Amino acid sequence: MGLFWNLIQQSQINNQHHKSQSLEQRIDILEDELRNTQQLLLKTLQVLEEYTNQDINEDGIIGR
């Protein structure tokens, strides 16, 4: 019975380890997507400010 219980616990530990690795990978992907979205937003803002000649984000500079 003890050996069987140890196998079950080891299986649960392995499953949890795989889930945590999967979660870390998903977090890395989400962080990359967020970074890319922020870069695109800044580029879009720059083009929009230059096109409208207005300081939309109120940083004192148009197009930056």
PDB file of N, CA and C in Angstrom:
ATOM      1  N   MET A   1       0.819  -1.196   0.000  1.00  0.00           N
ATOM      2  CA  MET A   1       0.000   0.000   0.000  1.00  0.00           C
ATOM      3  C   MET A   1       0.862   1.259   0.000  1.00  0.00           C
ATOM      4  N   GLY A   2       1.974   1.235   0.740  1.00  0.00           N
ATOM      5  CA  GLY A   2       2.850   2.398   0.806  1.00  0.00           C
ATOM      6  C   GLY A   2       3.458   2.736  -0.538  1.00  0.00           C
ATOM      7  N   LEU A   3       3.870   1.731  -1.286  1.00  0.00           N
ATOM      8  CA  LEU A   3       4.456   1.949  -2.612  1.00  0.00           C
ATOM      9  C   LEU A   3       3.425   2.561  -3.553  1.00  0.00           C
ATOM     10  N   PHE A   4       2.193   2.043  -3.511  1.00  0.00           N
ATOM     11  CA  PHE A   4       1.116   2.559  -4.349  1.00  0.00           C
ATOM     12  C   PHE A   4       0.852   4.030  -4.029  1.00  0.00           C
ATOM     13  N   TRP A   5       0.802   4.363  -2.740  1.00  0.00           N
ATOM     14  CA  TRP A   5       0.572   5.750  -2.316  1.00  0.00           C
ATOM     15  C   TRP A   5       1.712   6.658  -2.780  1.00  0.00           C
ATOM     16  N   ASN A   6       2.940   6.192  -2.693  1.00  0.00           N
ATOM     17  CA  ASN A   6       4.090   6.966  -3.160  1.00  0.00           C
ATOM     18  C   ASN A   6       4.000   7.234  -4.660  1.00  0.00           C
ATOM     19  N   LEU A   7       3.553   6.250  -5.427  1.00  0.00           N
ATOM     20  CA  LEU A   7       3.402   6.431  -6.872  1.00  0.00           C
ATOM     21  C   LEU A   7       2.338   7.487  -7.189  1.00  0.00           C
ATOM     22  N   ILE A   8       1.244   7.445  -6.443  1.00  0.00           N
ATOM     23  CA  ILE A   8       0.182   8.448  -6.645  1.00  0.00           C
ATOM     24  C   ILE A   8       0.706   9.843  -6.327  1.00  0.00           C
ATOM     25  N   GLN A   9       1.414   9.975  -5.216  1.00  0.00           N
ATOM     26  CA  GLN A   9       1.954  11.287  -4.833  1.00  0.00           C
ATOM     27  C   GLN A   9       2.963  11.782  -5.861  1.00  0.00           C
ATOM     28  N   GLN A  10       3.822  10.891  -6.337  1.00  0.00           N
ATOM     29  CA  GLN A  10       4.814  11.283  -7.334  1.00  0.00           C
ATOM     30  C   GLN A  10       4.132  11.726  -8.621  1.00  0.00           C
ATOM     31  N   SER A  11       3.081  11.030  -9.009  1.00  0.00           N
ATOM     32  CA  SER A  11       2.324  11.404 -10.200  1.00  0.00           C
ATOM     33  C   SER A  11       1.705  12.790 -10.029  1.00  0.00           C
ATOM     34  N   GLN A  12       1.150  13.072  -8.855  1.00  0.00           N
ATOM     35  CA  GLN A  12       0.561  14.387  -8.597  1.00  0.00           C
ATOM     36  C   GLN A  12       1.621  15.479  -8.599  1.00  0.00           C
ATOM     37  N   ILE A  13       2.781  15.188  -8.046  1.00  0.00           N
ATOM     38  CA  ILE A  13       3.888  16.156  -8.047  1.00  0.00           C
ATOM     39  C   ILE A  13       4.320  16.452  -9.477  1.00  0.00           C
ATOM     40  N   ASN A  14       4.446  15.410 -10.300  1.00  0.00           N
ATOM     41  CA  ASN A  14       4.838  15.599 -11.697  1.00  0.00           C
ATOM     42  C   ASN A  14       3.794  16.414 -12.462  1.00  0.00           C
ATOM     43  N   ASN A  15       2.526  16.115 -12.233  1.00  0.00           N
ATOM     44  CA  ASN A  15       1.464  16.881 -12.903  1.00  0.00           C
ATOM     45  C   ASN A  15       1.513  18.345 -12.504  1.00  0.00           C
ATOM     46  N   GLN A  16       1.718  18.611 -11.229  1.00  0.00           N
ATOM     47  CA  GLN A  16       1.791  19.996 -10.761  1.00  0.00           C
ATOM     48  C   GLN A  16       3.002  20.705 -11.347  1.00  0.00           C
ATOM     49  N   HIS A  17       4.110  20.004 -11.463  1.00  0.00           N
ATOM     50  CA  HIS A  17       5.326  20.575 -12.055  1.00  0.00           C
ATOM     51  C   HIS A  17       5.077  20.963 -13.514  1.00  0.00           C
ATOM     52  N   HIS A  18       4.416  20.093 -14.264  1.00  0.00           N
ATOM     53  CA  HIS A  18       4.111  20.395 -15.672  1.00  0.00           C
ATOM     54  C   HIS A  18       3.156  21.584 -15.777  1.00  0.00           C
ATOM     55  N   LYS A  19       2.187  21.654 -14.878  1.00  0.00           N
ATOM     56  CA  LYS A  19       1.261  22.784 -14.883  1.00  0.00           C
ATOM     57  C   LYS A  19       1.992  24.088 -14.597  1.00  0.00           C
ATOM     58  N   SER A  20       2.923  24.070 -13.654  1.00  0.00           N
ATOM     59  CA  SER A  20       3.644  25.297 -13.313  1.00  0.00           C
ATOM     60  C   SER A  20       4.550  25.720 -14.465  1.00  0.00           C
ATOM     61  N   GLN A  21       5.166  24.757 -15.143  1.00  0.00           N
ATOM     62  CA  GLN A  21       5.985  25.108 -16.308  1.00  0.00           C
ATOM     63  C   GLN A  21       5.109  25.697 -17.396  1.00  0.00           C
ATOM     64  N   SER A  22       3.946  25.107 -17.603  1.00  0.00           N
ATOM     65  CA  SER A  22       3.021  25.606 -18.606  1.00  0.00           C
ATOM     66  C   SER A  22       2.570  27.024 -18.257  1.00  0.00           C
ATOM     67  N   LEU A  23       2.302  27.260 -16.990  1.00  0.00           N
ATOM     68  CA  LEU A  23       1.887  28.583 -16.545  1.00  0.00           C
ATOM     69  C   LEU A  23       3.003  29.598 -16.768  1.00  0.00           C
ATOM     70  N   GLU A  24       4.234  29.229 -16.465  1.00  0.00           N
ATOM     71  CA  GLU A  24       5.370  30.131 -16.682  1.00  0.00           C
ATOM     72  C   GLU A  24       5.520  30.453 -18.167  1.00  0.00           C
ATOM     73  N   GLN A  25       5.331  29.468 -19.012  1.00  0.00           N
ATOM     74  CA  GLN A  25       5.417  29.702 -20.454  1.00  0.00           C
ATOM     75  C   GLN A  25       4.310  30.638 -20.913  1.00  0.00           C
ATOM     76  N   ARG A  26       3.099  30.439 -20.398  1.00  0.00           N
ATOM     77  CA  ARG A  26       1.983  31.310 -20.787  1.00  0.00           C
ATOM     78  C   ARG A  26       2.228  32.739 -20.306  1.00  0.00           C
ATOM     79  N   ILE A  27       2.799  32.888 -19.107  1.00  0.00           N
ATOM     80  CA  ILE A  27       3.116  34.221 -18.601  1.00  0.00           C
ATOM     81  C   ILE A  27       4.161  34.888 -19.488  1.00  0.00           C
ATOM     82  N   ASP A  28       5.186  34.150 -19.887  1.00  0.00           N
ATOM     83  CA  ASP A  28       6.210  34.700 -20.781  1.00  0.00           C
ATOM     84  C   ASP A  28       5.591  35.163 -22.092  1.00  0.00           C
ATOM     85  N   ILE A  29       4.693  34.358 -22.645  1.00  0.00           N
ATOM     86  CA  ILE A  29       4.034  34.725 -23.904  1.00  0.00           C
ATOM     87  C   ILE A  29       3.183  35.978 -23.715  1.00  0.00           C
ATOM     88  N   LEU A  30       2.439  36.041 -22.618  1.00  0.00           N
ATOM     89  CA  LEU A  30       1.602  37.213 -22.348  1.00  0.00           C
ATOM     90  C   LEU A  30       2.440  38.467 -22.142  1.00  0.00           C
ATOM     91  N   GLU A  31       3.576  38.337 -21.471  1.00  0.00           N
ATOM     92  CA  GLU A  31       4.457  39.493 -21.272  1.00  0.00           C
ATOM     93  C   GLU A  31       5.004  39.974 -22.608  1.00  0.00           C
ATOM     94  N   ASP A  32       5.369  39.049 -23.500  1.00  0.00           N
ATOM     95  CA  ASP A  32       5.844  39.428 -24.835  1.00  0.00           C
ATOM     96  C   ASP A  32       4.742  40.127 -25.621  1.00  0.00           C
ATOM     97  N   GLU A  33       3.528  39.591 -25.556  1.00  0.00           N
ATOM     98  CA  GLU A  33       2.409  40.212 -26.257  1.00  0.00           C
ATOM     99  C   GLU A  33       2.115  41.602 -25.712  1.00  0.00           C
ATOM    100  N   LEU A  34       2.191  41.765 -24.399  1.00  0.00           N
ATOM    101  CA  LEU A  34       1.968  43.071 -23.789  1.00  0.00           C
ATOM    102  C   LEU A  34       3.024  44.066 -24.255  1.00  0.00           C
ATOM    103  N   ARG A  35       4.287  43.632 -24.259  1.00  0.00           N
ATOM    104  CA  ARG A  35       5.372  44.501 -24.699  1.00  0.00           C
ATOM    105  C   ARG A  35       5.166  44.926 -26.159  1.00  0.00           C
ATOM    106  N   ASN A  36       4.789  43.978 -27.017  1.00  0.00           N
ATOM    107  CA  ASN A  36       4.544  44.284 -28.427  1.00  0.00           C
ATOM    108  C   ASN A  36       3.356  45.230 -28.588  1.00  0.00           C
ATOM    109  N   THR A  37       2.312  45.028 -27.801  1.00  0.00           N
ATOM    110  CA  THR A  37       1.138  45.896 -27.860  1.00  0.00           C
ATOM    111  C   THR A  37       1.493  47.310 -27.421  1.00  0.00           C
ATOM    112  N   GLN A  38       2.291  47.420 -26.369  1.00  0.00           N
ATOM    113  CA  GLN A  38       2.702  48.751 -25.900  1.00  0.00           C
ATOM    114  C   GLN A  38       3.549  49.460 -26.952  1.00  0.00           C
ATOM    115  N   GLN A  39       4.446  48.734 -27.607  1.00  0.00           N
ATOM    116  CA  GLN A  39       5.273  49.335 -28.653  1.00  0.00           C
ATOM    117  C   GLN A  39       4.410  49.808 -29.822  1.00  0.00           C
ATOM    118  N   LEU A  40       3.440  48.988 -30.210  1.00  0.00           N
ATOM    119  CA  LEU A  40       2.543  49.365 -31.305  1.00  0.00           C
ATOM    120  C   LEU A  40       1.715  50.583 -30.921  1.00  0.00           C
ATOM    121  N   LEU A  41       1.248  50.619 -29.676  1.00  0.00           N
ATOM    122  CA  LEU A  41       0.469  51.762 -29.208  1.00  0.00           C
ATOM    123  C   LEU A  41       1.296  53.045 -29.257  1.00  0.00           C
ATOM    124  N   LEU A  42       2.547  52.978 -28.828  1.00  0.00           N
ATOM    125  CA  LEU A  42       3.407  54.165 -28.869  1.00  0.00           C
ATOM    126  C   LEU A  42       3.670  54.619 -30.301  1.00  0.00           C
ATOM    127  N   LYS A  43       3.903  53.677 -31.208  1.00  0.00           N
ATOM    128  CA  LYS A  43       4.110  54.038 -32.621  1.00  0.00           C
ATOM    129  C   LYS A  43       2.853  54.657 -33.213  1.00  0.00           C
ATOM    130  N   THR A  44       1.696  54.087 -32.862  1.00  0.00           N
ATOM    131  CA  THR A  44       0.421  54.622 -33.354  1.00  0.00           C
ATOM    132  C   THR A  44       0.193  56.030 -32.822  1.00  0.00           C
ATOM    133  N   LEU A  45       0.482  56.226 -31.552  1.00  0.00           N
ATOM    134  CA  LEU A  45       0.337  57.547 -30.950  1.00  0.00           C
ATOM    135  C   LEU A  45       1.252  58.564 -31.627  1.00  0.00           C
ATOM    136  N   GLN A  46       2.478  58.157 -31.911  1.00  0.00           N
ATOM    137  CA  GLN A  46       3.425  59.051 -32.570  1.00  0.00           C
ATOM    138  C   GLN A  46       2.903  59.473 -33.943  1.00  0.00           C
ATOM    139  N   VAL A  47       2.431  58.521 -34.720  1.00  0.00           N
ATOM    140  CA  VAL A  47       1.909  58.833 -36.054  1.00  0.00           C
ATOM    141  C   VAL A  47       0.677  59.720 -35.945  1.00  0.00           C
ATOM    142  N   LEU A  48      -0.214  59.412 -35.010  1.00  0.00           N
ATOM    143  CA  LEU A  48      -1.433  60.201 -34.825  1.00  0.00           C
ATOM    144  C   LEU A  48      -1.112  61.632 -34.407  1.00  0.00           C
ATOM    145  N   GLU A  49      -0.164  61.783 -33.494  1.00  0.00           N
ATOM    146  CA  GLU A  49       0.237  63.135 -33.082  1.00  0.00           C
ATOM    147  C   GLU A  49       0.828  63.916 -34.245  1.00  0.00           C
ATOM    148  N   GLU A  50       1.655  63.269 -35.029  1.00  0.00           N
ATOM    149  CA  GLU A  50       2.261  63.953 -36.175  1.00  0.00           C
ATOM    150  C   GLU A  50       1.198  64.305 -37.210  1.00  0.00           C
ATOM    151  N   TYR A  51       0.237  63.405 -37.411  1.00  0.00           N
ATOM    152  CA  TYR A  51      -0.811  63.635 -38.402  1.00  0.00           C
ATOM    153  C   TYR A  51      -1.737  64.775 -37.984  1.00  0.00           C
ATOM    154  N   THR A  52      -2.103  64.806 -36.697  1.00  0.00           N
ATOM    155  CA  THR A  52      -3.040  65.832 -36.221  1.00  0.00           C
ATOM    156  C   THR A  52      -2.324  67.083 -35.728  1.00  0.00           C
ATOM    157  N   ASN A  53      -1.006  66.990 -35.572  1.00  0.00           N
ATOM    158  CA  ASN A  53      -0.206  68.081 -35.039  1.00  0.00           C
ATOM    159  C   ASN A  53      -0.718  68.519 -33.655  1.00  0.00           C
ATOM    160  N   GLN A  54      -1.079  67.510 -32.845  1.00  0.00           N
ATOM    161  CA  GLN A  54      -1.552  67.761 -31.480  1.00  0.00           C
ATOM    162  C   GLN A  54      -0.781  66.875 -30.508  1.00  0.00           C
ATOM    163  N   ASP A  55      -0.619  67.391 -29.291  1.00  0.00           N
ATOM    164  CA  ASP A  55       0.050  66.633 -28.231  1.00  0.00           C
ATOM    165  C   ASP A  55      -1.014  65.816 -27.485  1.00  0.00           C
ATOM    166  N   ILE A  56      -1.341  64.643 -28.018  1.00  0.00           N
ATOM    167  CA  ILE A  56      -2.441  63.835 -27.489  1.00  0.00           C
ATOM    168  C   ILE A  56      -2.131  63.293 -26.096  1.00  0.00           C
ATOM    169  N   ASN A  57      -0.927  62.824 -25.877  1.00  0.00           N
ATOM    170  CA  ASN A  57      -0.585  62.234 -24.573  1.00  0.00           C
ATOM    171  C   ASN A  57      -0.074  63.271 -23.569  1.00  0.00           C
ATOM    172  N   GLU A  58      -0.102  64.526 -23.946  1.00  0.00           N
ATOM    173  CA  GLU A  58       0.245  65.652 -23.078  1.00  0.00           C
ATOM    174  C   GLU A  58       1.620  65.511 -22.431  1.00  0.00           C
ATOM    175  N   ASP A  59       2.592  65.096 -23.250  1.00  0.00           N
ATOM    176  CA  ASP A  59       3.955  65.016 -22.729  1.00  0.00           C
ATOM    177  C   ASP A  59       4.789  66.224 -23.128  1.00  0.00           C
ATOM    178  N   GLY A  60       4.144  67.200 -23.787  1.00  0.00           N
ATOM    179  CA  GLY A  60       4.830  68.422 -24.169  1.00  0.00           C
ATOM    180  C   GLY A  60       5.541  68.344 -25.507  1.00  0.00           C
ATOM    181  N   ILE A  61       5.491  67.191 -26.150  1.00  0.00           N
ATOM    182  CA  ILE A  61       6.178  66.990 -27.424  1.00  0.00           C
ATOM    183  C   ILE A  61       5.209  66.333 -28.392  1.00  0.00           C
ATOM    184  N   ILE A  62       5.150  66.838 -29.603  1.00  0.00           N
ATOM    185  CA  ILE A  62       4.298  66.233 -30.629  1.00  0.00           C
ATOM    186  C   ILE A  62       5.107  65.203 -31.383  1.00  0.00           C
ATOM    187  N   GLY A  63       4.583  64.002 -31.458  1.00  0.00           N
ATOM    188  CA  GLY A  63       5.220  62.948 -32.225  1.00  0.00           C
ATOM    189  C   GLY A  63       6.307  62.195 -31.488  1.00  0.00           C
ATOM    190  N   ARG A  64       6.241  62.177 -30.157  1.00  0.00           N
ATOM    191  CA  ARG A  64       7.246  61.460 -29.394  1.00  0.00           C
ATOM    192  C   ARG A  64       6.702  60.840 -28.158  1.00  0.00           C
TER     193      ARG A  64
END
